[in-house]
Amino acid sequence: MTLRTETDKETGVALVTLDRPEKHNAIDLATAAELTAAWRAFRFDDGVRAVVVTGAGGRAFCTGIDRDVTVPQPSSPYTIDDPLIAIGPKANDLWKPVIAAVEGMACGGAFYLLGEAEFVIASEEATFFDPHTTYGMVSAYEAISMAQRMPFGEVARMSLMGTAERVTARRAYETGLVSEVTAPGDAVAAALRAAAVIASYPTEGVQGTVRAVWSAKEAARAQAMAHAPHLIALGNLAPERQAELFRGRGGSGFRLR
């Protein structure tokens, strides 16, 4: 298993942990399937009233898709098979509140999860970046998800600068991506405390509020997401060229912002 799920029956809070620390919690096909199954199972578990999602090991929350995963693609420029499209709670019709707790790196496909959390709590050592353009890929689903949380210019800069810059937890807090910055190692504890408060309230009102907040931006988000498949299909370099760029990434460093 690459996903750990623990439920505190007293508080009604479930802790979901991506458990591939040796891979910086990158998501392979098995992990993607486990995430989908976990969110859908929570829909039927009345003992779970709030969820915290995090990554094991402290070095990374999640670094997106595992580069060793091979996903065959159709030839049509208007469709794409994305193995991460259903890894988030909202994609699985879960309207119980989800809080993301970020320690270390969160990049690329991590934004599928961050984009579907109610809010994000991060350690002061956390960093956020989007490597797609560096490796000849279109940032579509990720950028659209972050555009729901951050000012346009901040999303554009993070999406376009690729691996050259990483956004600090402090800057992420200033721009609205992160709602609370903690001491190193304290993000999960802070998220669990917040989740326990929310889980102590009547769940019908909580879930209704989650649904109401999301309805405020759902139409624009859905419309933007509909463009993502063919933008990716038309704009991505061939996989072998992407792999070549990835292998040659070297250690040129990055700027913290």
Protein backbone atom coordinates (compact mmCIF):
# COMPACT_ATOMS: atom_id res chain seq x y z
CA MET A 1 0.00 0.00 0.00
CA THR A 2 1.27 3.47 -0.86
CA LEU A 3 -1.41 5.32 1.08
CA ARG A 4 -1.97 5.25 4.84
CA THR A 5 -5.36 6.12 6.28
CA GLU A 6 -5.91 6.55 10.02
CA THR A 7 -9.18 7.62 11.64
CA ASP A 8 -9.55 9.09 15.11
CA LYS A 9 -12.98 7.89 16.20
CA GLU A 10 -13.16 10.43 19.03
CA THR A 11 -12.61 13.49 16.82
CA GLY A 12 -14.08 12.15 13.58
CA VAL A 13 -10.92 13.18 11.70
CA ALA A 14 -9.18 10.95 9.15
CA LEU A 15 -5.50 11.42 8.30
CA VAL A 16 -4.56 10.40 4.76
CA THR A 17 -0.81 10.10 4.18
CA LEU A 18 0.92 9.63 0.85
CA ASP A 19 3.50 7.03 1.84
CA ARG A 20 6.24 6.95 -0.79
CA PRO A 21 8.91 9.09 0.93
CA GLU A 22 11.70 7.48 -1.09
CA LYS A 23 9.97 8.89 -4.20
CA HIS A 24 9.12 12.25 -2.61
CA ASN A 25 5.55 10.94 -2.47
CA ALA A 26 5.23 11.01 -6.24
CA ILE A 27 2.02 9.35 -7.37
CA ASP A 28 2.10 6.16 -9.40
CA LEU A 29 -0.97 4.40 -10.78
CA ALA A 30 -1.48 2.35 -7.62
CA THR A 31 -1.39 5.45 -5.41
CA ALA A 32 -3.80 7.26 -7.72
CA ALA A 33 -6.24 4.36 -7.47
CA GLU A 34 -5.89 4.25 -3.67
CA LEU A 35 -6.61 7.97 -3.37
CA THR A 36 -9.73 7.64 -5.50
CA ALA A 37 -10.91 4.69 -3.42
CA ALA A 38 -10.23 6.50 -0.14
CA TRP A 39 -12.20 9.63 -1.05
CA ARG A 40 -15.13 7.56 -2.28
CA ALA A 41 -15.10 5.41 0.86
CA PHE A 42 -15.23 8.51 3.08
CA ARG A 43 -18.55 9.43 1.46
CA PHE A 44 -20.13 6.40 3.17
CA ASP A 45 -18.24 6.58 6.47
CA ASP A 46 -20.30 8.65 8.88
CA GLY A 47 -17.53 8.35 11.46
CA VAL A 48 -15.33 10.58 9.29
CA ARG A 49 -16.43 14.22 9.37
CA ALA A 50 -13.19 15.94 8.27
CA VAL A 51 -9.98 14.84 6.57
CA VAL A 52 -6.33 15.91 6.62
CA VAL A 53 -4.09 14.91 3.69
CA THR A 54 -0.30 15.01 3.90
CA GLY A 55 2.89 13.32 2.72
CA ALA A 56 5.27 11.05 4.62
CA GLY A 57 8.91 11.75 5.37
CA GLY A 58 8.97 15.53 5.74
CA ARG A 59 10.92 16.21 2.54
CA ALA A 60 7.88 16.48 0.28
CA PHE A 61 4.11 16.68 0.43
CA CYS A 62 3.91 15.36 -3.13
CA THR A 63 5.92 15.87 -6.31
CA GLY A 64 3.18 14.93 -8.77
CA ILE A 65 3.20 12.03 -11.18
CA ASP A 66 5.94 9.43 -10.80
CA ARG A 67 8.19 9.86 -13.85
CA ASP A 68 8.47 6.06 -14.13
CA VAL A 69 4.75 5.77 -14.91
CA THR A 70 3.85 5.12 -18.54
CA VAL A 71 0.38 6.20 -19.64
CA PRO A 72 -0.48 5.49 -23.30
CA GLN A 73 -2.24 8.42 -24.93
CA PRO A 74 -4.85 8.59 -27.71
CA SER A 75 -3.79 10.31 -30.92
CA SER A 76 -6.63 12.87 -30.84
CA PRO A 77 -5.53 16.42 -29.88
CA TYR A 78 -8.86 16.88 -28.08
CA THR A 79 -8.46 14.23 -25.42
CA ILE A 80 -5.88 13.00 -22.96
CA ASP A 81 -5.77 10.22 -20.39
CA ASP A 82 -4.65 11.87 -17.17
CA PRO A 83 -3.97 9.40 -14.32
CA LEU A 84 -4.22 12.19 -11.73
CA ILE A 85 -7.58 13.62 -12.79
CA ALA A 86 -9.49 11.70 -10.10
CA ILE A 87 -7.06 11.83 -7.16
CA GLY A 88 -8.83 14.71 -5.38
CA PRO A 89 -11.85 14.68 -3.06
CA LYS A 90 -14.11 16.91 -5.20
CA ALA A 91 -13.46 14.77 -8.29
CA ASN A 92 -14.95 11.93 -6.25
CA ASP A 93 -17.97 13.86 -5.01
CA LEU A 94 -16.73 14.11 -1.41
CA TRP A 95 -18.02 17.27 0.27
CA LYS A 96 -16.62 16.66 3.72
CA PRO A 97 -13.94 19.26 4.50
CA VAL A 98 -10.35 18.42 3.55
CA ILE A 99 -7.29 20.25 4.88
CA ALA A 100 -3.88 19.82 3.25
CA ALA A 101 -0.80 19.79 5.52
CA VAL A 102 2.38 20.55 3.58
CA GLU A 103 5.90 19.80 4.73
CA GLY A 104 8.72 20.10 2.19
CA MET A 105 8.12 20.31 -1.55
CA ALA A 106 4.72 20.50 -3.21
CA CYS A 107 4.96 20.68 -6.96
CA GLY A 108 3.31 19.77 -10.25
CA GLY A 109 0.59 17.21 -9.75
CA ALA A 110 0.47 18.00 -6.03
CA PHE A 111 -1.78 20.88 -7.06
CA TYR A 112 -4.54 18.41 -7.96
CA LEU A 113 -4.75 17.68 -4.24
CA LEU A 114 -4.07 21.20 -2.97
CA GLY A 115 -6.58 22.59 -5.44
CA GLU A 116 -9.37 20.42 -4.06
CA ALA A 117 -8.65 21.02 -0.37
CA GLU A 118 -10.68 23.59 1.57
CA PHE A 119 -7.48 25.20 2.82
CA VAL A 120 -3.76 24.56 3.12
CA ILE A 121 -1.53 24.68 6.20
CA ALA A 122 2.21 24.63 5.56
CA SER A 123 5.43 24.42 7.51
CA GLU A 124 7.73 27.42 7.11
CA GLU A 125 10.13 25.08 5.27
CA ALA A 126 7.53 24.15 2.64
CA THR A 127 8.05 25.24 -0.97
CA PHE A 128 5.74 25.28 -3.99
CA PHE A 129 6.65 25.19 -7.69
CA ASP A 130 5.42 23.94 -11.04
CA PRO A 131 8.07 22.23 -13.21
CA HIS A 132 5.98 21.64 -16.33
CA THR A 133 7.36 24.29 -18.67
CA THR A 134 10.97 23.38 -17.84
CA TYR A 135 10.37 19.92 -19.26
CA GLY A 136 8.32 20.94 -22.29
CA MET A 137 4.88 20.32 -20.81
CA VAL A 138 1.76 22.46 -20.55
CA SER A 139 0.64 23.32 -17.03
CA ALA A 140 -3.12 23.21 -17.48
CA TYR A 141 -4.96 21.35 -14.73
CA GLU A 142 -2.41 22.53 -12.17
CA ALA A 143 -2.47 26.19 -13.21
CA ILE A 144 -6.26 26.23 -13.40
CA SER A 145 -6.48 24.75 -9.89
CA MET A 146 -4.10 27.35 -8.49
CA ALA A 147 -5.92 30.17 -10.31
CA GLN A 148 -8.85 29.50 -7.98
CA ARG A 149 -6.64 30.29 -4.97
CA MET A 150 -3.97 32.80 -6.02
CA PRO A 151 -3.83 36.12 -7.90
CA PHE A 152 -3.44 35.78 -11.68
CA GLY A 153 0.10 37.15 -11.78
CA GLU A 154 1.28 34.80 -9.05
CA VAL A 155 -0.18 31.75 -10.78
CA ALA A 156 1.26 32.82 -14.14
CA ARG A 157 4.71 33.39 -12.65
CA MET A 158 4.82 30.08 -10.80
CA SER A 159 3.53 28.19 -13.84
CA LEU A 160 5.92 29.85 -16.30
CA MET A 161 9.11 29.98 -14.22
CA GLY A 162 9.20 26.20 -13.88
CA THR A 163 12.05 24.84 -11.79
CA ALA A 164 13.93 28.17 -11.68
CA GLU A 165 11.91 29.44 -8.72
CA ARG A 166 10.24 28.01 -5.67
CA VAL A 167 7.58 29.87 -3.72
CA THR A 168 8.23 29.90 0.01
CA ALA A 169 5.53 29.13 2.54
CA ARG A 170 5.60 32.78 3.60
CA ARG A 171 5.01 34.03 0.05
CA ALA A 172 2.32 31.37 -0.42
CA TYR A 173 0.64 32.73 2.71
CA GLU A 174 0.86 36.30 1.44
CA THR A 175 -0.79 35.35 -1.86
CA GLY A 176 -3.58 33.24 -0.37
CA LEU A 177 -2.47 29.73 -1.29
CA VAL A 178 -1.64 28.94 2.34
CA SER A 179 -3.86 29.93 5.26
CA GLU A 180 -1.41 29.23 8.11
CA VAL A 181 2.36 28.84 8.39
CA THR A 182 3.72 26.68 11.21
CA ALA A 183 7.10 25.82 12.66
CA PRO A 184 8.94 23.00 10.86
CA GLY A 185 7.23 19.67 11.43
CA ASP A 186 4.05 21.18 12.89
CA ALA A 187 1.82 21.39 9.79
CA VAL A 188 0.04 18.08 10.37
CA ALA A 189 -0.65 18.82 14.04
CA ALA A 190 -2.07 22.24 13.16
CA ALA A 191 -4.24 20.74 10.42
CA LEU A 192 -5.52 18.02 12.74
CA ARG A 193 -6.45 20.64 15.35
CA ALA A 194 -8.40 22.66 12.80
CA ALA A 195 -10.05 19.53 11.41
CA ALA A 196 -11.11 18.43 14.89
CA VAL A 197 -12.85 21.76 15.49
CA ILE A 198 -14.70 21.52 12.17
CA ALA A 199 -15.57 17.85 12.76
CA SER A 200 -17.14 18.77 16.12
CA TYR A 201 -19.85 20.80 14.37
CA PRO A 202 -23.02 19.25 12.87
CA THR A 203 -21.82 17.63 9.67
CA GLU A 204 -24.87 18.57 7.59
CA GLY A 205 -24.16 22.27 8.03
CA VAL A 206 -20.45 21.79 7.45
CA GLN A 207 -20.90 19.84 4.22
CA GLY A 208 -23.48 22.32 2.99
CA THR A 209 -21.05 25.14 3.62
CA VAL A 210 -18.27 23.32 1.74
CA ARG A 211 -20.62 22.83 -1.18
CA ALA A 212 -21.73 26.49 -1.10
CA VAL A 213 -18.16 27.80 -1.12
CA TRP A 214 -17.24 25.61 -4.08
CA SER A 215 -20.35 26.62 -6.01
CA ALA A 216 -19.05 30.20 -6.06
CA LYS A 217 -16.29 29.24 -8.49
CA GLU A 218 -17.43 25.92 -9.92
CA ALA A 219 -18.74 27.16 -13.28
CA ALA A 220 -15.57 29.06 -14.19
CA ARG A 221 -13.37 26.19 -13.02
CA ALA A 222 -15.30 23.58 -14.99
CA GLN A 223 -15.20 25.71 -18.14
CA ALA A 224 -11.44 26.21 -17.83
CA MET A 225 -10.80 22.53 -17.12
CA ALA A 226 -12.68 21.58 -20.29
CA HIS A 227 -9.93 23.25 -22.34
CA ALA A 228 -7.11 21.42 -20.56
CA PRO A 229 -6.97 18.12 -22.50
CA HIS A 230 -6.40 19.56 -25.95
CA LEU A 231 -4.07 22.30 -24.67
CA ILE A 232 -1.91 19.56 -23.18
CA ALA A 233 -2.17 17.33 -26.25
CA LEU A 234 -1.22 20.18 -28.58
CA GLY A 235 1.45 21.82 -26.42
CA ASN A 236 3.36 18.96 -24.78
CA LEU A 237 6.62 17.80 -26.28
CA ALA A 238 6.83 14.14 -27.23
CA PRO A 239 7.44 11.93 -24.17
CA GLU A 240 10.93 10.99 -25.29
CA ARG A 241 11.89 14.68 -25.58
CA GLN A 242 10.41 15.38 -22.14
CA ALA A 243 12.46 12.50 -20.73
CA GLU A 244 15.60 13.91 -22.34
CA LEU A 245 15.03 17.31 -20.70
CA PHE A 246 14.28 15.65 -17.37
CA ARG A 247 17.48 13.59 -17.48
CA GLY A 248 19.51 16.70 -18.28
CA ARG A 249 18.04 18.83 -15.50
CA GLY A 250 21.35 18.89 -13.60
CA GLY A 251 21.91 20.87 -10.42
CA SER A 252 21.65 24.45 -11.65
CA GLY A 253 19.80 25.49 -8.51
CA PHE A 254 16.73 27.61 -8.00
CA ARG A 255 15.67 30.90 -6.47
CA LEU A 256 13.45 31.01 -3.39
CA ARG A 257 10.82 33.69 -3.58
